Amino acid sequence: CLVGGDSDLLLMAAACRADGPVFVMVD
């Protein structure tokens, strides 16, 4: 789970490959 205030974090996480499921919490 990635937590941040920038909405572009969601697109950056989509371009990143991880071993497990990834969620983004926009705060």
PDB file of all heavy atoms in Angstrom:
ATOM      1  N   CYS A   1       0.854  -1.190   0.000  1.00  0.00           N
ATOM      2  CA  CYS A   1       0.000   0.000   0.000  1.00  0.00           C
ATOM      3  C   CYS A   1       0.886   1.234   0.000  1.00  0.00           C
ATOM      4  O   CYS A   1       1.697   1.426   0.914  1.00  0.00           O
ATOM      5  CB  CYS A   1      -0.930   0.006   1.217  1.00  0.00           C
ATOM      6  SG  CYS A   1      -2.072   1.411   1.251  1.00  0.00           S
ATOM      7  N   LEU A   2       0.742   2.053  -1.038  1.00  0.00           N
ATOM      8  CA  LEU A   2       1.490   3.310  -1.154  1.00  0.00           C
ATOM      9  C   LEU A   2       0.569   4.451  -0.741  1.00  0.00           C
ATOM     10  O   LEU A   2      -0.552   4.571  -1.252  1.00  0.00           O
ATOM     11  CB  LEU A   2       1.982   3.519  -2.587  1.00  0.00           C
ATOM     12  CG  LEU A   2       2.872   2.418  -3.162  1.00  0.00           C
ATOM     13  CD1 LEU A   2       3.113   2.647  -4.647  1.00  0.00           C
ATOM     14  CD2 LEU A   2       4.193   2.361  -2.416  1.00  0.00           C
ATOM     15  N   VAL A   3       1.029   5.282   0.164  1.00  0.00           N
ATOM     16  CA  VAL A   3       0.231   6.389   0.681  1.00  0.00           C
ATOM     17  C   VAL A   3       0.917   7.695   0.305  1.00  0.00           C
ATOM     18  O   VAL A   3       2.113   7.875   0.551  1.00  0.00           O
ATOM     19  CB  VAL A   3       0.058   6.296   2.211  1.00  0.00           C
ATOM     20  CG1 VAL A   3      -0.838   7.419   2.718  1.00  0.00           C
ATOM     21  CG2 VAL A   3      -0.521   4.944   2.602  1.00  0.00           C
ATOM     22  N   GLY A   4       0.174   8.601  -0.307  1.00  0.00           N
ATOM     23  CA  GLY A   4       0.739   9.889  -0.689  1.00  0.00           C
ATOM     24  C   GLY A   4      -0.358  10.861  -1.050  1.00  0.00           C
ATOM     25  O   GLY A   4      -1.529  10.495  -1.188  1.00  0.00           O
ATOM     26  N   GLY A   5       0.041  12.108  -1.212  1.00  0.00           N
ATOM     27  CA  GLY A   5      -0.933  13.155  -1.527  1.00  0.00           C
ATOM     28  C   GLY A   5      -1.026  13.493  -2.997  1.00  0.00           C
ATOM     29  O   GLY A   5      -1.932  14.236  -3.401  1.00  0.00           O
ATOM     30  N   ASP A   6      -0.121  12.970  -3.830  1.00  0.00           N
ATOM     31  CA  ASP A   6      -0.129  13.272  -5.258  1.00  0.00           C
ATOM     32  C   ASP A   6      -0.900  12.203  -6.011  1.00  0.00           C
ATOM     33  O   ASP A   6      -0.649  11.002  -5.847  1.00  0.00           O
ATOM     34  CB  ASP A   6       1.303  13.357  -5.803  1.00  0.00           C
ATOM     35  CG  ASP A   6       2.054  14.545  -5.227  1.00  0.00           C
ATOM     36  OD1 ASP A   6       1.383  15.502  -4.807  1.00  0.00           O
ATOM     37  OD2 ASP A   6       3.295  14.508  -5.198  1.00  0.00           O
ATOM     38  N   SER A   7      -1.820  12.635  -6.871  1.00  0.00           N
ATOM     39  CA  SER A   7      -2.605  11.672  -7.633  1.00  0.00           C
ATOM     40  C   SER A   7      -1.769  10.933  -8.663  1.00  0.00           C
ATOM     41  O   SER A   7      -2.134   9.833  -9.091  1.00  0.00           O
ATOM     42  CB  SER A   7      -3.771  12.386  -8.326  1.00  0.00           C
ATOM     43  OG  SER A   7      -3.291  13.418  -9.182  1.00  0.00           O
ATOM     44  N   ASP A   8      -0.629  11.524  -9.080  1.00  0.00           N
ATOM     45  CA  ASP A   8       0.208  10.834 -10.067  1.00  0.00           C
ATOM     46  C   ASP A   8       0.884   9.597  -9.467  1.00  0.00           C
ATOM     47  O   ASP A   8       1.456   8.792 -10.202  1.00  0.00           O
ATOM     48  CB  ASP A   8       1.262  11.766 -10.656  1.00  0.00           C
ATOM     49  CG  ASP A   8       2.180  12.352  -9.596  1.00  0.00           C
ATOM     50  OD1 ASP A   8       1.919  12.128  -8.398  1.00  0.00           O
ATOM     51  OD2 ASP A   8       3.147  13.042  -9.966  1.00  0.00           O
ATOM     52  N   LEU A   9       0.808   9.441  -8.149  1.00  0.00           N
ATOM     53  CA  LEU A   9       1.358   8.236  -7.530  1.00  0.00           C
ATOM     54  C   LEU A   9       0.643   6.991  -8.046  1.00  0.00           C
ATOM     55  O   LEU A   9       1.259   5.918  -8.159  1.00  0.00           O
ATOM     56  CB  LEU A   9       1.221   8.335  -6.010  1.00  0.00           C
ATOM     57  CG  LEU A   9       1.760   7.168  -5.178  1.00  0.00           C
ATOM     58  CD1 LEU A   9       3.251   6.982  -5.412  1.00  0.00           C
ATOM     59  CD2 LEU A   9       1.483   7.391  -3.697  1.00  0.00           C
ATOM     60  N   LEU A  10      -0.632   7.122  -8.406  1.00  0.00           N
ATOM     61  CA  LEU A  10      -1.379   5.983  -8.921  1.00  0.00           C
ATOM     62  C   LEU A  10      -0.825   5.529 -10.271  1.00  0.00           C
ATOM     63  O   LEU A  10      -0.646   4.333 -10.522  1.00  0.00           O
ATOM     64  CB  LEU A  10      -2.858   6.344  -9.030  1.00  0.00           C
ATOM     65  CG  LEU A  10      -3.829   5.227  -9.401  1.00  0.00           C
ATOM     66  CD1 LEU A  10      -3.763   4.100  -8.394  1.00  0.00           C
ATOM     67  CD2 LEU A  10      -5.253   5.765  -9.495  1.00  0.00           C
ATOM     68  N   LEU A  11      -0.534   6.486 -11.150  1.00  0.00           N
ATOM     69  CA  LEU A  11       0.025   6.130 -12.456  1.00  0.00           C
ATOM     70  C   LEU A  11       1.458   5.616 -12.322  1.00  0.00           C
ATOM     71  O   LEU A  11       1.866   4.698 -13.040  1.00  0.00           O
ATOM     72  CB  LEU A  11      -0.021   7.345 -13.386  1.00  0.00           C
ATOM     73  CG  LEU A  11      -1.418   7.850 -13.759  1.00  0.00           C
ATOM     74  CD1 LEU A  11      -1.314   9.086 -14.638  1.00  0.00           C
ATOM     75  CD2 LEU A  11      -2.219   6.763 -14.462  1.00  0.00           C
ATOM     76  N   MET A  12       2.212   6.189 -11.398  1.00  0.00           N
ATOM     77  CA  MET A  12       3.573   5.711 -11.182  1.00  0.00           C
ATOM     78  C   MET A  12       3.566   4.291 -10.648  1.00  0.00           C
ATOM     79  O   MET A  12       4.405   3.464 -11.036  1.00  0.00           O
ATOM     80  CB  MET A  12       4.299   6.654 -10.220  1.00  0.00           C
ATOM     81  CG  MET A  12       4.499   8.061 -10.759  1.00  0.00           C
ATOM     82  SD  MET A  12       5.080   9.233  -9.503  1.00  0.00           S
ATOM     83  CE  MET A  12       6.712   8.581  -9.169  1.00  0.00           C
ATOM     84  N   ALA A  13       2.612   3.982  -9.778  1.00  0.00           N
ATOM     85  CA  ALA A  13       2.516   2.624  -9.251  1.00  0.00           C
ATOM     86  C   ALA A  13       2.086   1.643 -10.330  1.00  0.00           C
ATOM     87  O   ALA A  13       2.488   0.471 -10.316  1.00  0.00           O
ATOM     88  CB  ALA A  13       1.534   2.586  -8.081  1.00  0.00           C
ATOM     89  N   ALA A  14       1.272   2.103 -11.292  1.00  0.00           N
ATOM     90  CA  ALA A  14       0.841   1.223 -12.375  1.00  0.00           C
ATOM     91  C   ALA A  14       2.011   0.832 -13.273  1.00  0.00           C
ATOM     92  O   ALA A  14       2.000  -0.239 -13.884  1.00  0.00           O
ATOM     93  CB  ALA A  14      -0.246   1.904 -13.201  1.00  0.00           C
ATOM     94  N   ALA A  15       3.015   1.700 -13.362  1.00  0.00           N
ATOM     95  CA  ALA A  15       4.181   1.394 -14.188  1.00  0.00           C
ATOM     96  C   ALA A  15       5.219   0.576 -13.442  1.00  0.00           C
ATOM     97  O   ALA A  15       6.199   0.127 -14.036  1.00  0.00           O
ATOM     98  CB  ALA A  15       4.814   2.688 -14.689  1.00  0.00           C
ATOM     99  N   CYS A  16       5.017   0.389 -12.135  1.00  0.00           N
ATOM    100  CA  CYS A  16       5.975  -0.363 -11.319  1.00  0.00           C
ATOM    101  C   CYS A  16       5.487  -1.791 -11.167  1.00  0.00           C
ATOM    102  O   CYS A  16       4.301  -2.041 -10.968  1.00  0.00           O
ATOM    103  CB  CYS A  16       6.136   0.303  -9.949  1.00  0.00           C
ATOM    104  SG  CYS A  16       7.286  -0.526  -8.854  1.00  0.00           S
ATOM    105  N   ARG A  17       6.403  -2.716 -11.266  1.00  0.00           N
ATOM    106  CA  ARG A  17       6.057  -4.117 -11.118  1.00  0.00           C
ATOM    107  C   ARG A  17       6.478  -4.619  -9.747  1.00  0.00           C
ATOM    108  O   ARG A  17       7.635  -4.457  -9.354  1.00  0.00           O
ATOM    109  CB  ARG A  17       6.730  -4.956 -12.221  1.00  0.00           C
ATOM    110  CG  ARG A  17       6.193  -4.638 -13.610  1.00  0.00           C
ATOM    111  CD  ARG A  17       4.720  -5.037 -13.707  1.00  0.00           C
ATOM    112  NE  ARG A  17       4.138  -4.660 -14.992  1.00  0.00           N
ATOM    113  CZ  ARG A  17       3.398  -3.596 -15.177  1.00  0.00           C
ATOM    114  NH1 ARG A  17       3.170  -2.772 -14.161  1.00  0.00           N
ATOM    115  NH2 ARG A  17       2.869  -3.318 -16.350  1.00  0.00           N
ATOM    116  N   ALA A  18       5.547  -5.233  -9.044  1.00  0.00           N
ATOM    117  CA  ALA A  18       5.808  -5.764  -7.710  1.00  0.00           C
ATOM    118  C   ALA A  18       5.388  -7.213  -7.655  1.00  0.00           C
ATOM    119  O   ALA A  18       4.606  -7.686  -8.496  1.00  0.00           O
ATOM    120  CB  ALA A  18       5.066  -4.947  -6.655  1.00  0.00           C
ATOM    121  N   ASP A  19       5.895  -7.921  -6.662  1.00  0.00           N
ATOM    122  CA  ASP A  19       5.586  -9.344  -6.531  1.00  0.00           C
ATOM    123  C   ASP A  19       4.151  -9.580  -6.066  1.00  0.00           C
ATOM    124  O   ASP A  19       3.554 -10.606  -6.385  1.00  0.00           O
ATOM    125  CB  ASP A  19       6.564 -10.006  -5.555  1.00  0.00           C
ATOM    126  CG  ASP A  19       7.990 -10.007  -6.073  1.00  0.00           C
ATOM    127  OD1 ASP A  19       8.166  -9.942  -7.306  1.00  0.00           O
ATOM    128  OD2 ASP A  19       8.923 -10.064  -5.245  1.00  0.00           O
ATOM    129  N   GLY A  20       3.609  -8.664  -5.289  1.00  0.00           N
ATOM    130  CA  GLY A  20       2.265  -8.854  -4.745  1.00  0.00           C
ATOM    131  C   GLY A  20       1.316  -7.763  -5.204  1.00  0.00           C
ATOM    132  O   GLY A  20       1.694  -6.844  -5.939  1.00  0.00           O
ATOM    133  N   PRO A  21       0.039  -7.843  -4.785  1.00  0.00           N
ATOM    134  CA  PRO A  21      -0.942  -6.811  -5.134  1.00  0.00           C
ATOM    135  C   PRO A  21      -0.538  -5.450  -4.582  1.00  0.00           C
ATOM    136  O   PRO A  21       0.037  -5.351  -3.490  1.00  0.00           O
ATOM    137  CB  PRO A  21      -2.238  -7.313  -4.486  1.00  0.00           C
ATOM    138  CG  PRO A  21      -2.017  -8.766  -4.236  1.00  0.00           C
ATOM    139  CD  PRO A  21      -0.553  -8.943  -3.996  1.00  0.00           C
ATOM    140  N   VAL A  22      -0.825  -4.393  -5.342  1.00  0.00           N
ATOM    141  CA  VAL A  22      -0.450  -3.036  -4.967  1.00  0.00           C
ATOM    142  C   VAL A  22      -1.709  -2.177  -4.900  1.00  0.00           C
ATOM    143  O   VAL A  22      -2.534  -2.196  -5.816  1.00  0.00           O
ATOM    144  CB  VAL A  22       0.556  -2.426  -5.965  1.00  0.00           C
ATOM    145  CG1 VAL A  22       0.924  -1.001  -5.548  1.00  0.00           C
ATOM    146  CG2 VAL A  22       1.809  -3.289  -6.058  1.00  0.00           C
ATOM    147  N   PHE A  23      -1.841  -1.437  -3.820  1.00  0.00           N
ATOM    148  CA  PHE A  23      -2.918  -0.469  -3.652  1.00  0.00           C
ATOM    149  C   PHE A  23      -2.297   0.902  -3.401  1.00  0.00           C
ATOM    150  O   PHE A  23      -1.192   1.011  -2.863  1.00  0.00           O
ATOM    151  CB  PHE A  23      -3.830  -0.855  -2.487  1.00  0.00           C
ATOM    152  CG  PHE A  23      -4.598  -2.130  -2.710  1.00  0.00           C
ATOM    153  CD1 PHE A  23      -4.031  -3.359  -2.400  1.00  0.00           C
ATOM    154  CD2 PHE A  23      -5.883  -2.100  -3.226  1.00  0.00           C
ATOM    155  CE1 PHE A  23      -4.728  -4.529  -2.602  1.00  0.00           C
ATOM    156  CE2 PHE A  23      -6.596  -3.277  -3.428  1.00  0.00           C
ATOM    157  CZ  PHE A  23      -6.006  -4.488  -3.127  1.00  0.00           C
ATOM    158  N   VAL A  24      -3.022   1.931  -3.787  1.00  0.00           N
ATOM    159  CA  VAL A  24      -2.572   3.308  -3.569  1.00  0.00           C
ATOM    160  C   VAL A  24      -3.633   4.022  -2.744  1.00  0.00           C
ATOM    161  O   VAL A  24      -4.818   4.041  -3.118  1.00  0.00           O
ATOM    162  CB  VAL A  24      -2.335   4.048  -4.897  1.00  0.00           C
ATOM    163  CG1 VAL A  24      -2.008   5.511  -4.638  1.00  0.00           C
ATOM    164  CG2 VAL A  24      -1.201   3.393  -5.673  1.00  0.00           C
ATOM    165  N   MET A  25      -3.213   4.591  -1.622  1.00  0.00           N
ATOM    166  CA  MET A  25      -4.097   5.377  -0.780  1.00  0.00           C
ATOM    167  C   MET A  25      -3.743   6.848  -0.964  1.00  0.00           C
ATOM    168  O   MET A  25      -2.671   7.292  -0.551  1.00  0.00           O
ATOM    169  CB  MET A  25      -3.949   4.961   0.691  1.00  0.00           C
ATOM    170  CG  MET A  25      -4.930   5.651   1.626  1.00  0.00           C
ATOM    171  SD  MET A  25      -4.703   5.140   3.352  1.00  0.00           S
ATOM    172  CE  MET A  25      -5.170   3.405   3.250  1.00  0.00           C
ATOM    173  N   VAL A  26      -4.627   7.587  -1.620  1.00  0.00           N
ATOM    174  CA  VAL A  26      -4.410   9.011  -1.862  1.00  0.00           C
ATOM    175  C   VAL A  26      -4.943   9.773  -0.662  1.00  0.00           C
ATOM    176  O   VAL A  26      -6.142   9.745  -0.373  1.00  0.00           O
ATOM    177  CB  VAL A  26      -5.103   9.470  -3.161  1.00  0.00           C
ATOM    178  CG1 VAL A  26      -4.883  10.960  -3.384  1.00  0.00           C
ATOM    179  CG2 VAL A  26      -4.570   8.678  -4.350  1.00  0.00           C
ATOM    180  N   ASP A  27      -4.041  10.439   0.013  1.00  0.00           N
ATOM    181  CA  ASP A  27      -4.399  11.152   1.240  1.00  0.00           C
ATOM    182  C   ASP A  27      -4.268  12.642   1.006  1.00  0.00           C
ATOM    183  O   ASP A  27      -3.179  13.144   0.691  1.00  0.00           O
ATOM    184  CB  ASP A  27      -3.488  10.718   2.396  1.00  0.00           C
ATOM    185  CG  ASP A  27      -3.744  11.530   3.651  1.00  0.00           C
ATOM    186  OD1 ASP A  27      -4.905  11.582   4.086  1.00  0.00           O
ATOM    187  OD2 ASP A  27      -2.786  12.110   4.180  1.00  0.00           O
TER     188      ASP A  27
END
